[in-house]
Amino acid sequence: MKTIIWVVLLAGPPATLAQGPDPSLFAKLLERHRPEALTFEFAAIGDQQYGAAGEAKWPALQASINRADTAFTLHIGDFKSGDTLCSNELFDDRLRAFNSFAMPMIYTPGDNEWTDCHRENNGAFDPLERLSYLRRTFYNGRESLGKRKLLLSQQSEVPRYADYVENAIWSTGNVLFATLHIVGSNNNFGRTEESSREAAERTTANINWLETIFNLASQNGFAGVVIGLQANPGWSGTPVRTAQLGSGFRDTFSVLEGEAIGFGKPVLIIMGDSHIFRIDKPMIGDRSGLVIENLLRLEVPGSLYAHWVRVRVDPAKSSLFAFQYEDVAENIFPQEKP
C-alpha cells in the first residue's frame, strides 16, 4: 500500500518545506527564554526618515521615545524612502541613529533598504549586495542596537540558516518576541529569476522560524507572541483569507495562520509598509471562514507621520496588549481652518 503525500503551495515562492525547529538551537532557546510575571511597555516605530522632511522630524521622534524609557524599541523597517540613495553613508548614518536610543533597539529590514535599491533613483545598486551590507552592518553579533543592550537569539545560530542574522527571538515578561524578515515589493518575489530564488530561500527560513517561535511559546507557556515584520501583505483594513494576499506572502502567512490558531493565545503582528496607523484583526481562517480572533495587527504610523506607538503588556489584564498613539508635538502638521 502506497502512502501519497500532497504538498500544496500557494502560487508564491516555491519554498522548500521547513524541517521544524533545529534541535540543538531549540534546547538553548528553552533555557534562555522563560516567562515571568511582569508589566512593561515598549515602543513600536517604522517607515521613518523619509526624505528631507522625515530627516528633520527624526530627532524629536527619537527624543520622545528616549524620554519614555520603554523596555525596548522595535523598528519594523524602512529607514529611508523608496526614492533615496541606498548608499553606505546613509546606512552608516542610520546605524549611528539607532545606537543612540537609550534603550535596546531591535530592527528588522524593509524593502526600501535593499529590495528596491535596483531603482535608478536609489542608485541602481544590486539588491543582494545591499542586503549583504545591511546584514554585516546592523547585525554584528547577538546584541541588540541601542545604548542599553539586549541579548537576542538568532536563526543564524543554525548552520543551515547562517545568513539570517536578522531573524531574532527575545522575551520580556510573559511574552515571546521575534522578528521575521518579510518585506514589501511582494517580498522580492517575481521581479527577476534571482530575486525569486532569494525570496524562496528566505521563505523557507521564515517558515522554519515561525515553527520555532510558536513551538517555544507553547512549550515554555508564554502568554502571548509578538512578531515584527515590515511588509503589509494585503491586509487593507477588511479581513481577508491568506489566499487573497500577494503571491510573495501566501506560503509564510498560511503557516502563520495555522500556528496562531494552534497557539490559541494572543498573537500580535507589528508591521508597517502602507504608513497607516491601525489596530485590527485582519485574517479570516481558511477553514472556519471567520476572523481569527486571537491574531491582532498593529500597523505603525510612517512616512509623513513621525510619531510612535506605545504598547503596554500587563499580564493581570484580560487584554494582554494595550496601545497608545504617541503624538510628537514638534512633528504635528499645522492645519488651516477651511
C-alpha atoms as a PDB file:
ATOM      1  CA  MET A   1       0.000   0.000   0.000  1.00  0.00           C
ATOM      2  CA  LYS A   2       1.472   3.358  -1.031  1.00  0.00           C
ATOM      3  CA  THR A   3       1.205   6.478   1.069  1.00  0.00           C
ATOM      4  CA  ILE A   4       0.851   9.586  -1.081  1.00  0.00           C
ATOM      5  CA  ILE A   5       1.695  12.955   0.421  1.00  0.00           C
ATOM      6  CA  TRP A   6       0.388  16.001  -1.412  1.00  0.00           C
ATOM      7  CA  VAL A   7       2.225  19.282  -0.961  1.00  0.00           C
ATOM      8  CA  VAL A   8       0.190  22.350  -1.929  1.00  0.00           C
ATOM      9  CA  LEU A   9       1.931  25.695  -2.439  1.00  0.00           C
ATOM     10  CA  LEU A  10       0.014  28.912  -2.811  1.00  0.00           C
ATOM     11  CA  ALA A  11       1.437  30.268  -6.112  1.00  0.00           C
ATOM     12  CA  GLY A  12       4.231  32.135  -4.363  1.00  0.00           C
ATOM     13  CA  PRO A  13       7.933  31.454  -3.863  1.00  0.00           C
ATOM     14  CA  PRO A  14       8.495  27.682  -4.145  1.00  0.00           C
ATOM     15  CA  ALA A  15       9.754  27.315  -0.596  1.00  0.00           C
ATOM     16  CA  THR A  16      11.305  24.050   0.488  1.00  0.00           C
ATOM     17  CA  LEU A  17       9.268  22.694   3.384  1.00  0.00           C
ATOM     18  CA  ALA A  18      10.907  23.661   6.659  1.00  0.00           C
ATOM     19  CA  GLN A  19      12.052  20.844   8.893  1.00  0.00           C
ATOM     20  CA  GLY A  20      10.761  22.216  12.181  1.00  0.00           C
ATOM     21  CA  PRO A  21      12.878  23.764  14.957  1.00  0.00           C
ATOM     22  CA  ASP A  22      16.551  22.820  14.942  1.00  0.00           C
ATOM     23  CA  PRO A  23      17.018  20.543  17.997  1.00  0.00           C
ATOM     24  CA  SER A  24      20.372  21.983  19.116  1.00  0.00           C
ATOM     25  CA  LEU A  25      19.213  25.612  18.995  1.00  0.00           C
ATOM     26  CA  PHE A  26      15.782  24.780  20.385  1.00  0.00           C
ATOM     27  CA  ALA A  27      17.292  23.261  23.519  1.00  0.00           C
ATOM     28  CA  LYS A  28      19.141  26.551  24.099  1.00  0.00           C
ATOM     29  CA  LEU A  29      16.015  28.605  23.445  1.00  0.00           C
ATOM     30  CA  LEU A  30      14.066  26.653  26.054  1.00  0.00           C
ATOM     31  CA  GLU A  31      16.701  27.636  28.634  1.00  0.00           C
ATOM     32  CA  ARG A  32      17.218  31.235  27.502  1.00  0.00           C
ATOM     33  CA  HIS A  33      13.597  32.335  27.192  1.00  0.00           C
ATOM     34  CA  ARG A  34      11.261  31.675  30.099  1.00  0.00           C
ATOM     35  CA  PRO A  35       8.152  33.680  31.004  1.00  0.00           C
ATOM     36  CA  GLU A  36       7.852  35.781  34.141  1.00  0.00           C
ATOM     37  CA  ALA A  37       5.062  37.947  35.539  1.00  0.00           C
ATOM     38  CA  LEU A  38       5.965  41.496  34.563  1.00  0.00           C
ATOM     39  CA  THR A  39       4.151  44.616  33.386  1.00  0.00           C
ATOM     40  CA  PHE A  40       6.170  46.640  30.864  1.00  0.00           C
ATOM     41  CA  GLU A  41       5.959  48.900  27.816  1.00  0.00           C
ATOM     42  CA  PHE A  42       7.807  49.030  24.517  1.00  0.00           C
ATOM     43  CA  ALA A  43       7.899  51.447  21.583  1.00  0.00           C
ATOM     44  CA  ALA A  44       6.964  50.490  18.017  1.00  0.00           C
ATOM     45  CA  ILE A  45       8.081  52.570  15.019  1.00  0.00           C
ATOM     46  CA  GLY A  46       8.844  52.215  11.322  1.00  0.00           C
ATOM     47  CA  ASP A  47       8.761  53.828   7.878  1.00  0.00           C
ATOM     48  CA  GLN A  48      10.680  56.876   9.091  1.00  0.00           C
ATOM     49  CA  GLN A  49      13.375  59.333   7.905  1.00  0.00           C
ATOM     50  CA  TYR A  50      11.703  59.680   4.503  1.00  0.00           C
ATOM     51  CA  GLY A  51      13.454  62.449   2.594  1.00  0.00           C
ATOM     52  CA  ALA A  52      14.399  65.870   3.975  1.00  0.00           C
ATOM     53  CA  ALA A  53      11.090  66.328   5.823  1.00  0.00           C
ATOM     54  CA  GLY A  54      11.428  62.961   7.566  1.00  0.00           C
ATOM     55  CA  GLU A  55      15.052  63.616   8.433  1.00  0.00           C
ATOM     56  CA  ALA A  56      14.062  66.917  10.047  1.00  0.00           C
ATOM     57  CA  LYS A  57      11.426  65.198  12.207  1.00  0.00           C
ATOM     58  CA  TRP A  58      13.576  62.281  13.348  1.00  0.00           C
ATOM     59  CA  PRO A  59      15.386  63.997  16.280  1.00  0.00           C
ATOM     60  CA  ALA A  60      12.114  64.928  18.006  1.00  0.00           C
ATOM     61  CA  LEU A  61      10.709  61.426  17.421  1.00  0.00           C
ATOM     62  CA  GLN A  62      13.768  59.759  18.880  1.00  0.00           C
ATOM     63  CA  ALA A  63      13.904  62.188  21.810  1.00  0.00           C
ATOM     64  CA  SER A  64      10.252  61.433  22.620  1.00  0.00           C
ATOM     65  CA  ILE A  65      10.941  57.705  22.772  1.00  0.00           C
ATOM     66  CA  ASN A  66      14.123  58.182  24.803  1.00  0.00           C
ATOM     67  CA  ARG A  67      12.211  60.244  27.377  1.00  0.00           C
ATOM     68  CA  ALA A  68       9.632  57.459  27.680  1.00  0.00           C
ATOM     69  CA  ASP A  69      12.417  54.974  28.514  1.00  0.00           C
ATOM     70  CA  THR A  70      10.439  51.906  27.479  1.00  0.00           C
ATOM     71  CA  ALA A  71      11.826  48.380  27.841  1.00  0.00           C
ATOM     72  CA  PHE A  72      12.954  48.466  24.202  1.00  0.00           C
ATOM     73  CA  THR A  73      12.145  49.934  20.793  1.00  0.00           C
ATOM     74  CA  LEU A  74      11.070  47.765  17.863  1.00  0.00           C
ATOM     75  CA  HIS A  75      11.682  49.244  14.390  1.00  0.00           C
ATOM     76  CA  ILE A  76       9.809  47.345  11.666  1.00  0.00           C
ATOM     77  CA  GLY A  77      11.926  48.572   8.748  1.00  0.00           C
ATOM     78  CA  ASP A  78      12.126  51.201   6.015  1.00  0.00           C
ATOM     79  CA  PHE A  79      14.616  53.681   7.440  1.00  0.00           C
ATOM     80  CA  LYS A  80      14.595  55.661   4.186  1.00  0.00           C
ATOM     81  CA  SER A  81      12.130  56.487   1.442  1.00  0.00           C
ATOM     82  CA  GLY A  82      11.802  54.426  -1.730  1.00  0.00           C
ATOM     83  CA  ASP A  83      13.438  57.134  -3.853  1.00  0.00           C
ATOM     84  CA  THR A  84      16.656  57.947  -1.974  1.00  0.00           C
ATOM     85  CA  LEU A  85      20.137  56.513  -2.401  1.00  0.00           C
ATOM     86  CA  CYS A  86      20.938  53.146  -0.815  1.00  0.00           C
ATOM     87  CA  SER A  87      24.465  54.326  -0.049  1.00  0.00           C
ATOM     88  CA  ASN A  88      26.878  53.033   2.578  1.00  0.00           C
ATOM     89  CA  GLU A  89      26.936  56.538   4.030  1.00  0.00           C
ATOM     90  CA  LEU A  90      23.173  56.573   4.556  1.00  0.00           C
ATOM     91  CA  PHE A  91      23.196  53.090   6.103  1.00  0.00           C
ATOM     92  CA  ASP A  92      26.012  54.101   8.447  1.00  0.00           C
ATOM     93  CA  ASP A  93      24.091  57.237   9.447  1.00  0.00           C
ATOM     94  CA  ARG A  94      21.046  55.124  10.344  1.00  0.00           C
ATOM     95  CA  LEU A  95      23.174  52.771  12.402  1.00  0.00           C
ATOM     96  CA  ARG A  96      24.504  55.704  14.442  1.00  0.00           C
ATOM     97  CA  ALA A  97      20.951  56.946  14.987  1.00  0.00           C
ATOM     98  CA  PHE A  98      19.713  53.530  16.087  1.00  0.00           C
ATOM     99  CA  ASN A  99      22.590  53.106  18.516  1.00  0.00           C
ATOM    100  CA  SER A 100      21.709  56.424  20.164  1.00  0.00           C
ATOM    101  CA  PHE A 101      18.414  55.057  21.520  1.00  0.00           C
ATOM    102  CA  ALA A 102      18.638  54.956  25.319  1.00  0.00           C
ATOM    103  CA  MET A 103      17.061  51.506  25.457  1.00  0.00           C
ATOM    104  CA  PRO A 104      17.675  48.329  23.431  1.00  0.00           C
ATOM    105  CA  MET A 105      16.634  48.773  19.814  1.00  0.00           C
ATOM    106  CA  ILE A 106      15.676  45.848  17.574  1.00  0.00           C
ATOM    107  CA  TYR A 107      15.365  46.389  13.833  1.00  0.00           C
ATOM    108  CA  THR A 108      14.063  44.192  11.008  1.00  0.00           C
ATOM    109  CA  PRO A 109      14.771  45.216   7.382  1.00  0.00           C
ATOM    110  CA  GLY A 110      12.326  46.853   4.982  1.00  0.00           C
ATOM    111  CA  ASP A 111      12.176  46.774   1.196  1.00  0.00           C
ATOM    112  CA  ASN A 112      13.456  50.354   0.881  1.00  0.00           C
ATOM    113  CA  GLU A 113      16.783  49.244   2.361  1.00  0.00           C
ATOM    114  CA  TRP A 114      17.574  46.575  -0.209  1.00  0.00           C
ATOM    115  CA  THR A 115      14.790  45.085  -2.370  1.00  0.00           C
ATOM    116  CA  ASP A 116      14.115  48.373  -4.170  1.00  0.00           C
ATOM    117  CA  CYS A 117      17.702  49.557  -4.398  1.00  0.00           C
ATOM    118  CA  HIS A 118      17.873  48.477  -8.068  1.00  0.00           C
ATOM    119  CA  ARG A 119      15.857  51.586  -8.980  1.00  0.00           C
ATOM    120  CA  GLU A 120      17.821  54.329 -10.712  1.00  0.00           C
ATOM    121  CA  ASN A 121      16.752  56.940  -8.147  1.00  0.00           C
ATOM    122  CA  ASN A 122      18.115  54.619  -5.427  1.00  0.00           C
ATOM    123  CA  GLY A 123      21.489  54.425  -7.144  1.00  0.00           C
ATOM    124  CA  ALA A 124      20.902  51.292  -9.287  1.00  0.00           C
ATOM    125  CA  PHE A 125      22.503  49.037  -6.663  1.00  0.00           C
ATOM    126  CA  ASP A 126      22.461  45.245  -6.683  1.00  0.00           C
ATOM    127  CA  PRO A 127      19.749  44.418  -4.087  1.00  0.00           C
ATOM    128  CA  LEU A 128      21.533  41.289  -2.868  1.00  0.00           C
ATOM    129  CA  GLU A 129      24.764  43.215  -2.348  1.00  0.00           C
ATOM    130  CA  ARG A 130      22.806  45.810  -0.340  1.00  0.00           C
ATOM    131  CA  LEU A 131      21.209  43.043   1.723  1.00  0.00           C
ATOM    132  CA  SER A 132      24.648  41.621   2.455  1.00  0.00           C
ATOM    133  CA  TYR A 133      25.945  45.044   3.559  1.00  0.00           C
ATOM    134  CA  LEU A 134      22.841  45.583   5.691  1.00  0.00           C
ATOM    135  CA  ARG A 135      23.376  42.285   7.468  1.00  0.00           C
ATOM    136  CA  ARG A 136      27.085  42.959   8.102  1.00  0.00           C
ATOM    137  CA  THR A 137      26.398  46.477   9.347  1.00  0.00           C
ATOM    138  CA  PHE A 138      23.318  46.149  11.560  1.00  0.00           C
ATOM    139  CA  TYR A 139      23.652  42.581  12.874  1.00  0.00           C
ATOM    140  CA  ASN A 140      27.171  42.269  14.236  1.00  0.00           C
ATOM    141  CA  GLY A 141      26.784  39.677  16.977  1.00  0.00           C
ATOM    142  CA  ARG A 142      23.818  38.708  19.137  1.00  0.00           C
ATOM    143  CA  GLU A 143      23.387  42.036  20.925  1.00  0.00           C
ATOM    144  CA  SER A 144      20.625  44.476  20.023  1.00  0.00           C
ATOM    145  CA  LEU A 145      21.312  48.009  18.905  1.00  0.00           C
ATOM    146  CA  GLY A 146      20.883  50.921  21.353  1.00  0.00           C
ATOM    147  CA  LYS A 147      22.907  52.184  24.311  1.00  0.00           C
ATOM    148  CA  ARG A 148      21.458  49.508  26.573  1.00  0.00           C
ATOM    149  CA  LYS A 149      21.850  46.104  25.036  1.00  0.00           C
ATOM    150  CA  LEU A 150      19.546  43.113  24.899  1.00  0.00           C
ATOM    151  CA  LEU A 151      20.929  39.658  24.128  1.00  0.00           C
ATOM    152  CA  LEU A 152      19.000  38.113  21.243  1.00  0.00           C
ATOM    153  CA  SER A 153      18.699  34.578  19.941  1.00  0.00           C
ATOM    154  CA  GLN A 154      19.251  34.434  16.176  1.00  0.00           C
ATOM    155  CA  GLN A 155      18.237  31.984  13.487  1.00  0.00           C
ATOM    156  CA  SER A 156      21.802  32.231  12.177  1.00  0.00           C
ATOM    157  CA  GLU A 157      22.927  30.108  15.137  1.00  0.00           C
ATOM    158  CA  VAL A 158      21.733  27.181  12.995  1.00  0.00           C
ATOM    159  CA  PRO A 159      24.343  26.496  10.258  1.00  0.00           C
ATOM    160  CA  ARG A 160      21.637  25.867   7.644  1.00  0.00           C
ATOM    161  CA  TYR A 161      20.305  29.392   8.231  1.00  0.00           C
ATOM    162  CA  ALA A 162      23.626  31.146   8.869  1.00  0.00           C
ATOM    163  CA  ASP A 163      22.711  34.089   6.609  1.00  0.00           C
ATOM    164  CA  TYR A 164      19.559  35.032   8.535  1.00  0.00           C
ATOM    165  CA  VAL A 165      21.108  37.115  11.302  1.00  0.00           C
ATOM    166  CA  GLU A 166      18.110  39.473  11.193  1.00  0.00           C
ATOM    167  CA  ASN A 167      15.597  36.840  12.361  1.00  0.00           C
ATOM    168  CA  ALA A 168      15.689  37.147  16.152  1.00  0.00           C
ATOM    169  CA  ILE A 169      13.917  35.992  19.308  1.00  0.00           C
ATOM    170  CA  TRP A 170      13.857  37.617  22.745  1.00  0.00           C
ATOM    171  CA  SER A 171      11.484  37.581  25.698  1.00  0.00           C
ATOM    172  CA  THR A 172      10.263  40.152  28.189  1.00  0.00           C
ATOM    173  CA  GLY A 173       7.771  39.309  30.918  1.00  0.00           C
ATOM    174  CA  ASN A 174       5.423  36.571  29.772  1.00  0.00           C
ATOM    175  CA  VAL A 175       5.615  37.477  26.063  1.00  0.00           C
ATOM    176  CA  LEU A 176       7.859  35.957  23.412  1.00  0.00           C
ATOM    177  CA  PHE A 177       9.060  38.448  20.786  1.00  0.00           C
ATOM    178  CA  ALA A 178      10.519  37.757  17.366  1.00  0.00           C
ATOM    179  CA  THR A 179      11.416  39.402  14.081  1.00  0.00           C
ATOM    180  CA  LEU A 180      10.685  37.878  10.686  1.00  0.00           C
ATOM    181  CA  HIS A 181      12.296  39.158   7.503  1.00  0.00           C
ATOM    182  CA  ILE A 182       9.287  39.781   5.240  1.00  0.00           C
ATOM    183  CA  VAL A 183       9.404  42.889   3.057  1.00  0.00           C
ATOM    184  CA  GLY A 184       7.223  44.885   0.688  1.00  0.00           C
ATOM    185  CA  SER A 185       7.539  44.805  -3.101  1.00  0.00           C
ATOM    186  CA  ASN A 186       5.927  41.348  -2.960  1.00  0.00           C
ATOM    187  CA  ASN A 187       8.671  40.061  -0.665  1.00  0.00           C
ATOM    188  CA  ASN A 188      11.231  40.306  -3.529  1.00  0.00           C
ATOM    189  CA  PHE A 189       9.336  37.626  -5.469  1.00  0.00           C
ATOM    190  CA  GLY A 190       8.702  37.854  -9.199  1.00  0.00           C
ATOM    191  CA  ARG A 191      10.962  40.701 -10.380  1.00  0.00           C
ATOM    192  CA  THR A 192      13.801  38.531 -11.688  1.00  0.00           C
ATOM    193  CA  GLU A 193      14.841  34.888 -11.513  1.00  0.00           C
ATOM    194  CA  GLU A 194      17.480  35.803  -8.964  1.00  0.00           C
ATOM    195  CA  SER A 195      15.059  37.766  -6.793  1.00  0.00           C
ATOM    196  CA  SER A 196      12.518  34.931  -6.846  1.00  0.00           C
ATOM    197  CA  ARG A 197      15.196  32.445  -5.840  1.00  0.00           C
ATOM    198  CA  GLU A 198      16.211  34.649  -2.915  1.00  0.00           C
ATOM    199  CA  ALA A 199      12.556  35.025  -1.889  1.00  0.00           C
ATOM    200  CA  ALA A 200      12.059  31.257  -1.952  1.00  0.00           C
ATOM    201  CA  GLU A 201      15.116  30.634   0.220  1.00  0.00           C
ATOM    202  CA  ARG A 202      14.102  33.313   2.718  1.00  0.00           C
ATOM    203  CA  THR A 203      10.530  31.987   2.790  1.00  0.00           C
ATOM    204  CA  THR A 204      11.876  28.579   3.790  1.00  0.00           C
ATOM    205  CA  ALA A 205      13.895  30.208   6.573  1.00  0.00           C
ATOM    206  CA  ASN A 206      10.905  32.272   7.724  1.00  0.00           C
ATOM    207  CA  ILE A 207       8.653  29.231   7.889  1.00  0.00           C
ATOM    208  CA  ASN A 208      11.253  27.434   9.987  1.00  0.00           C
ATOM    209  CA  TRP A 209      11.496  30.476  12.269  1.00  0.00           C
ATOM    210  CA  LEU A 210       7.714  30.657  12.663  1.00  0.00           C
ATOM    211  CA  GLU A 211       7.642  26.999  13.686  1.00  0.00           C
ATOM    212  CA  THR A 212      10.462  27.665  16.139  1.00  0.00           C
ATOM    213  CA  ILE A 213       8.726  30.730  17.630  1.00  0.00           C
ATOM    214  CA  PHE A 214       5.411  29.025  18.277  1.00  0.00           C
ATOM    215  CA  ASN A 215       6.906  25.751  19.488  1.00  0.00           C
ATOM    216  CA  LEU A 216       8.965  27.713  22.004  1.00  0.00           C
ATOM    217  CA  ALA A 217       5.997  29.840  23.090  1.00  0.00           C
ATOM    218  CA  SER A 218       3.831  26.761  23.601  1.00  0.00           C
ATOM    219  CA  GLN A 219       6.386  24.583  25.362  1.00  0.00           C
ATOM    220  CA  ASN A 220       7.523  27.294  27.776  1.00  0.00           C
ATOM    221  CA  GLY A 221       3.992  28.552  28.471  1.00  0.00           C
ATOM    222  CA  PHE A 222       4.233  32.146  27.227  1.00  0.00           C
ATOM    223  CA  ALA A 223       1.002  34.145  27.437  1.00  0.00           C
ATOM    224  CA  GLY A 224       1.471  35.819  24.056  1.00  0.00           C
ATOM    225  CA  VAL A 225       3.621  36.176  20.960  1.00  0.00           C
ATOM    226  CA  VAL A 226       4.670  39.399  19.201  1.00  0.00           C
ATOM    227  CA  ILE A 227       6.209  39.278  15.720  1.00  0.00           C
ATOM    228  CA  GLY A 228       7.704  42.311  13.995  1.00  0.00           C
ATOM    229  CA  LEU A 229       7.930  42.350  10.187  1.00  0.00           C
ATOM    230  CA  GLN A 230       7.945  45.068   7.550  1.00  0.00           C
ATOM    231  CA  ALA A 231       5.510  44.124   4.792  1.00  0.00           C
ATOM    232  CA  ASN A 232       1.815  44.690   4.612  1.00  0.00           C
ATOM    233  CA  PRO A 233       0.923  41.505   2.692  1.00  0.00           C
ATOM    234  CA  GLY A 234      -2.512  42.760   1.639  1.00  0.00           C
ATOM    235  CA  TRP A 235      -4.224  43.494   4.943  1.00  0.00           C
ATOM    236  CA  SER A 236      -6.062  46.589   3.737  1.00  0.00           C
ATOM    237  CA  GLY A 237      -8.466  47.005   6.651  1.00  0.00           C
ATOM    238  CA  THR A 238     -11.081  44.411   5.698  1.00  0.00           C
ATOM    239  CA  PRO A 239     -10.325  40.875   6.970  1.00  0.00           C
ATOM    240  CA  VAL A 240      -9.114  38.528   4.209  1.00  0.00           C
ATOM    241  CA  ARG A 241      -8.113  34.927   3.683  1.00  0.00           C
ATOM    242  CA  THR A 242      -4.471  34.005   3.128  1.00  0.00           C
ATOM    243  CA  ALA A 243      -5.205  33.074  -0.500  1.00  0.00           C
ATOM    244  CA  GLN A 244      -6.133  36.715  -1.151  1.00  0.00           C
ATOM    245  CA  LEU A 245      -2.674  38.002  -0.170  1.00  0.00           C
ATOM    246  CA  GLY A 246       0.178  38.861  -2.542  1.00  0.00           C
ATOM    247  CA  SER A 247       1.888  35.879  -4.162  1.00  0.00           C
ATOM    248  CA  GLY A 248       5.150  36.531  -2.317  1.00  0.00           C
ATOM    249  CA  PHE A 249       3.455  36.229   1.079  1.00  0.00           C
ATOM    250  CA  ARG A 250       0.959  33.365   0.903  1.00  0.00           C
ATOM    251  CA  ASP A 251       3.166  30.456   1.926  1.00  0.00           C
ATOM    252  CA  THR A 252       4.508  32.217   5.018  1.00  0.00           C
ATOM    253  CA  PHE A 253       1.157  33.643   6.122  1.00  0.00           C
ATOM    254  CA  SER A 254      -0.525  30.284   5.626  1.00  0.00           C
ATOM    255  CA  VAL A 255       1.906  28.857   8.183  1.00  0.00           C
ATOM    256  CA  LEU A 256       1.346  31.879  10.451  1.00  0.00           C
ATOM    257  CA  GLU A 257      -2.396  31.232  10.295  1.00  0.00           C
ATOM    258  CA  GLY A 258      -2.007  27.619  11.372  1.00  0.00           C
ATOM    259  CA  GLU A 259       0.490  28.421  14.117  1.00  0.00           C
ATOM    260  CA  ALA A 260      -1.621  31.251  15.547  1.00  0.00           C
ATOM    261  CA  ILE A 261      -4.745  29.068  15.617  1.00  0.00           C
ATOM    262  CA  GLY A 262      -2.816  26.223  17.204  1.00  0.00           C
ATOM    263  CA  PHE A 263      -1.271  28.501  19.834  1.00  0.00           C
ATOM    264  CA  GLY A 264      -4.696  29.848  20.816  1.00  0.00           C
ATOM    265  CA  LYS A 265      -3.360  32.777  22.893  1.00  0.00           C
ATOM    266  CA  PRO A 266      -2.834  36.425  21.847  1.00  0.00           C
ATOM    267  CA  VAL A 267      -0.638  36.919  18.790  1.00  0.00           C
ATOM    268  CA  LEU A 268       0.328  40.476  17.823  1.00  0.00           C
ATOM    269  CA  ILE A 269       1.809  41.215  14.394  1.00  0.00           C
ATOM    270  CA  ILE A 270       3.524  44.621  14.191  1.00  0.00           C
ATOM    271  CA  MET A 271       4.113  45.874  10.649  1.00  0.00           C
ATOM    272  CA  GLY A 272       4.346  48.982   8.516  1.00  0.00           C
ATOM    273  CA  ASP A 273       4.695  49.434   4.761  1.00  0.00           C
ATOM    274  CA  SER A 274       1.448  51.292   4.000  1.00  0.00           C
ATOM    275  CA  HIS A 275       2.020  54.032   6.619  1.00  0.00           C
ATOM    276  CA  ILE A 276      -1.499  53.927   8.084  1.00  0.00           C
ATOM    277  CA  PHE A 277      -1.884  53.645  11.846  1.00  0.00           C
ATOM    278  CA  ARG A 278      -4.415  50.923  12.607  1.00  0.00           C
ATOM    279  CA  ILE A 279      -5.137  48.105  15.016  1.00  0.00           C
ATOM    280  CA  ASP A 280      -7.372  45.332  13.745  1.00  0.00           C
ATOM    281  CA  LYS A 281      -7.957  41.608  13.310  1.00  0.00           C
ATOM    282  CA  PRO A 282      -7.045  41.141   9.642  1.00  0.00           C
ATOM    283  CA  MET A 283      -7.134  37.383   8.994  1.00  0.00           C
ATOM    284  CA  ILE A 284     -10.011  35.100   8.118  1.00  0.00           C
ATOM    285  CA  GLY A 285      -9.477  31.446   8.943  1.00  0.00           C
ATOM    286  CA  ASP A 286      -9.378  29.342   5.806  1.00  0.00           C
ATOM    287  CA  ARG A 287     -11.457  26.527   7.323  1.00  0.00           C
ATOM    288  CA  SER A 288     -13.823  28.495   9.529  1.00  0.00           C
ATOM    289  CA  GLY A 289     -14.446  31.446   7.219  1.00  0.00           C
ATOM    290  CA  LEU A 290     -14.409  33.581  10.382  1.00  0.00           C
ATOM    291  CA  VAL A 291     -11.986  36.198  11.689  1.00  0.00           C
ATOM    292  CA  ILE A 292      -9.102  34.711  13.682  1.00  0.00           C
ATOM    293  CA  GLU A 293      -9.838  36.484  16.940  1.00  0.00           C
ATOM    294  CA  ASN A 294      -6.577  35.843  18.799  1.00  0.00           C
ATOM    295  CA  LEU A 295      -4.486  37.430  15.997  1.00  0.00           C
ATOM    296  CA  LEU A 296      -4.132  41.203  16.138  1.00  0.00           C
ATOM    297  CA  ARG A 297      -2.305  43.547  13.750  1.00  0.00           C
ATOM    298  CA  LEU A 298      -0.710  46.844  14.729  1.00  0.00           C
ATOM    299  CA  GLU A 299       0.408  48.980  11.791  1.00  0.00           C
ATOM    300  CA  VAL A 300       2.657  51.823  12.884  1.00  0.00           C
ATOM    301  CA  PRO A 301       2.385  55.374  11.506  1.00  0.00           C
ATOM    302  CA  GLY A 302       5.032  56.265   8.963  1.00  0.00           C
ATOM    303  CA  SER A 303       6.348  58.449   6.167  1.00  0.00           C
ATOM    304  CA  LEU A 304       4.997  61.971   6.783  1.00  0.00           C
ATOM    305  CA  TYR A 305       3.698  60.973  10.228  1.00  0.00           C
ATOM    306  CA  ALA A 306       6.711  60.941  12.546  1.00  0.00           C
ATOM    307  CA  HIS A 307       5.042  59.557  15.668  1.00  0.00           C
ATOM    308  CA  TRP A 308       5.196  56.251  17.558  1.00  0.00           C
ATOM    309  CA  VAL A 309       3.047  53.692  19.349  1.00  0.00           C
ATOM    310  CA  ARG A 310       3.448  52.727  22.991  1.00  0.00           C
ATOM    311  CA  VAL A 311       2.467  49.105  23.644  1.00  0.00           C
ATOM    312  CA  ARG A 312       1.749  48.118  27.241  1.00  0.00           C
ATOM    313  CA  VAL A 313       1.844  44.491  28.304  1.00  0.00           C
ATOM    314  CA  ASP A 314       0.002  43.685  31.521  1.00  0.00           C
ATOM    315  CA  PRO A 315      -0.480  40.016  32.465  1.00  0.00           C
ATOM    316  CA  ALA A 316      -3.156  40.997  35.009  1.00  0.00           C
ATOM    317  CA  LYS A 317      -5.441  42.457  32.336  1.00  0.00           C
ATOM    318  CA  SER A 318      -7.987  40.473  30.329  1.00  0.00           C
ATOM    319  CA  SER A 319      -6.486  42.038  27.173  1.00  0.00           C
ATOM    320  CA  LEU A 320      -2.756  41.341  27.238  1.00  0.00           C
ATOM    321  CA  PHE A 321      -1.855  44.270  24.956  1.00  0.00           C
ATOM    322  CA  ALA A 322      -2.909  47.926  25.224  1.00  0.00           C
ATOM    323  CA  PHE A 323      -1.931  50.645  22.758  1.00  0.00           C
ATOM    324  CA  GLN A 324      -1.332  54.376  22.977  1.00  0.00           C
ATOM    325  CA  TYR A 325      -0.591  56.529  19.926  1.00  0.00           C
ATOM    326  CA  GLU A 326       2.150  58.927  20.980  1.00  0.00           C
ATOM    327  CA  ASP A 327       1.975  62.231  19.122  1.00  0.00           C
ATOM    328  CA  VAL A 328       5.317  64.018  18.924  1.00  0.00           C
ATOM    329  CA  ALA A 329       4.188  67.621  19.356  1.00  0.00           C
ATOM    330  CA  GLU A 330       7.011  69.089  17.261  1.00  0.00           C
ATOM    331  CA  ASN A 331       6.082  66.831  14.347  1.00  0.00           C
ATOM    332  CA  ILE A 332       2.366  67.578  14.120  1.00  0.00           C
ATOM    333  CA  PHE A 333       1.389  69.236  10.831  1.00  0.00           C
ATOM    334  CA  PRO A 334      -0.124  72.706  11.262  1.00  0.00           C
ATOM    335  CA  GLN A 335      -3.658  72.896   9.898  1.00  0.00           C
ATOM    336  CA  GLU A 336      -5.608  75.799   8.477  1.00  0.00           C
ATOM    337  CA  LYS A 337      -9.304  76.275   9.067  1.00  0.00           C
ATOM    338  CA  PRO A 338     -11.396  75.575   5.932  1.00  0.00           C
END
